[in-house]
């Protein structure tokens, strides 16, 4: 999967446009990704990532970095063998595009603030 374009509230993955938060997996996109607490990520929000064979998760915290990723979430992912990289969404998109050819990367992306 390749992210072709990102702007506030809009992202294009493999030619398909999305206007709500997403998780990008190798070979598919989970659209309309929603978190229990909105701007605070919880481990339960990443259930599909935990059940996937992905070993790297790039988290996009929004254009302005408003979504928070608590340390316990990072620790929980790492305990399960998933490396975590956290960036504001524009940088997360670039990082994911660089790392996605590995075949084991996913990206959880907040598209707005």
Protein backbone atom coordinates (compact mmCIF):
# COMPACT_ATOMS: atom_id res chain seq x y z
CA UNK A 1 0.00 0.00 0.00
CA UNK A 2 1.29 3.43 -0.91
CA UNK A 3 0.07 6.71 0.50
CA UNK A 4 0.01 9.13 -2.40
CA UNK A 5 -1.25 12.30 -0.79
CA UNK A 6 -2.14 13.68 2.64
CA UNK A 7 -3.75 16.98 3.58
CA UNK A 8 -5.77 17.99 6.63
CA UNK A 9 -8.74 15.60 6.81
CA UNK A 10 -7.92 13.81 3.54
CA UNK A 11 -5.60 11.00 2.50
CA UNK A 12 -5.15 8.97 -0.67
CA UNK A 13 -4.00 5.35 -0.39
CA UNK A 14 -3.43 3.40 -3.61
CA UNK A 15 -5.66 5.86 -5.46
CA UNK A 16 -8.56 5.65 -2.98
CA UNK A 17 -9.49 8.81 -1.04
CA UNK A 18 -10.41 8.67 2.65
CA UNK A 19 -11.72 11.52 4.78
CA UNK A 20 -11.69 9.91 8.22
CA UNK A 21 -8.93 8.31 10.28
CA UNK A 22 -7.55 5.04 8.93
CA UNK A 23 -5.24 2.15 9.63
CA UNK A 24 -3.17 1.04 6.65
CA UNK A 25 -2.13 -2.62 6.63
CA UNK A 26 -0.16 -4.48 3.96
CA UNK A 27 -2.79 -5.06 1.29
CA UNK A 28 -5.77 -3.30 2.89
CA UNK A 29 -7.08 -0.21 4.62
CA UNK A 30 -9.35 -0.09 7.66
CA UNK A 31 -11.43 3.04 7.04
CA UNK A 32 -13.32 5.05 9.65
CA UNK A 33 -10.90 4.13 12.44
CA UNK A 34 -12.21 5.53 15.71
CA UNK A 35 -10.70 5.58 19.15
CA UNK A 36 -12.51 5.13 22.44
CA UNK A 37 -11.20 8.49 23.70
CA UNK A 38 -10.84 10.37 20.42
CA UNK A 39 -7.51 12.16 20.85
CA UNK A 40 -5.95 9.65 23.25
CA UNK A 41 -4.82 6.33 21.83
CA UNK A 42 -5.56 3.15 23.81
CA UNK A 43 -4.25 -0.35 23.18
CA UNK A 44 -7.79 -1.58 22.56
CA UNK A 45 -8.03 0.89 19.64
CA UNK A 46 -5.35 -1.17 17.91
CA UNK A 47 -6.95 -4.62 18.23
CA UNK A 48 -6.62 -5.33 14.50
CA UNK A 49 -2.95 -4.34 14.55
CA UNK A 50 -2.34 -6.68 17.47
CA UNK A 51 -4.04 -9.52 15.57
CA UNK A 52 -2.08 -8.84 12.37
CA UNK A 53 1.38 -10.08 11.42
CA UNK A 54 2.66 -6.48 11.43
CA UNK A 55 5.86 -5.89 13.41
CA UNK A 56 6.07 -2.12 12.89
CA UNK A 57 3.39 0.47 13.58
CA UNK A 58 3.74 4.06 12.45
CA UNK A 59 1.34 6.29 14.38
CA UNK A 60 0.32 9.63 12.87
CA UNK A 61 -0.86 11.94 15.65
CA UNK A 62 -2.54 14.49 13.37
CA UNK A 63 -1.27 17.46 11.43
CA UNK A 64 -0.67 19.39 14.63
CA UNK A 65 0.11 16.38 16.85
CA UNK A 66 -3.05 16.57 18.97
CA UNK A 67 -3.60 12.81 19.37
CA UNK A 68 -1.66 11.53 22.38
CA UNK A 69 0.04 8.13 22.59
CA UNK A 70 0.52 7.17 26.23
CA UNK A 71 3.67 5.32 27.24
CA UNK A 72 1.65 2.29 28.33
CA UNK A 73 0.34 1.90 24.77
CA UNK A 74 3.86 1.94 23.35
CA UNK A 75 5.00 -0.53 26.03
CA UNK A 76 2.04 -2.82 25.32
CA UNK A 77 2.81 -2.88 21.59
CA UNK A 78 6.52 -3.44 22.14
CA UNK A 79 5.77 -6.25 24.61
CA UNK A 80 3.93 -7.95 21.75
CA UNK A 81 6.91 -7.53 19.42
CA UNK A 82 5.62 -4.47 17.53
CA UNK A 83 8.06 -1.60 17.01
CA UNK A 84 6.35 1.79 17.31
CA UNK A 85 7.23 5.06 15.58
CA UNK A 86 5.23 8.18 16.47
CA UNK A 87 5.14 11.28 14.28
CA UNK A 88 2.79 14.03 13.28
CA UNK A 89 0.77 12.70 10.36
CA UNK A 90 2.69 14.40 7.51
CA UNK A 91 5.97 12.89 8.75
CA UNK A 92 4.26 9.58 9.57
CA UNK A 93 3.04 9.30 5.97
CA UNK A 94 6.56 9.82 4.63
CA UNK A 95 7.99 7.34 7.13
CA UNK A 96 5.37 4.71 6.34
CA UNK A 97 6.01 5.07 2.60
CA UNK A 98 9.74 4.52 3.22
CA UNK A 99 9.19 1.49 5.47
CA UNK A 100 6.15 -0.18 3.86
CA UNK A 101 8.23 -2.19 1.34
CA UNK A 102 9.37 -4.28 4.32
CA UNK A 103 5.93 -5.89 4.17
CA UNK A 104 5.35 -5.91 7.92
CA UNK A 105 4.44 -2.26 8.51
CA UNK A 106 1.10 -0.72 9.40
CA UNK A 107 0.14 2.93 9.90
CA UNK A 108 -2.56 4.24 12.25
CA UNK A 109 -3.28 7.76 11.05
CA UNK A 110 -5.26 10.60 12.62
CA UNK A 111 -6.06 12.87 9.68
CA UNK A 112 -7.05 16.15 11.28
CA UNK A 113 -5.73 18.10 14.25
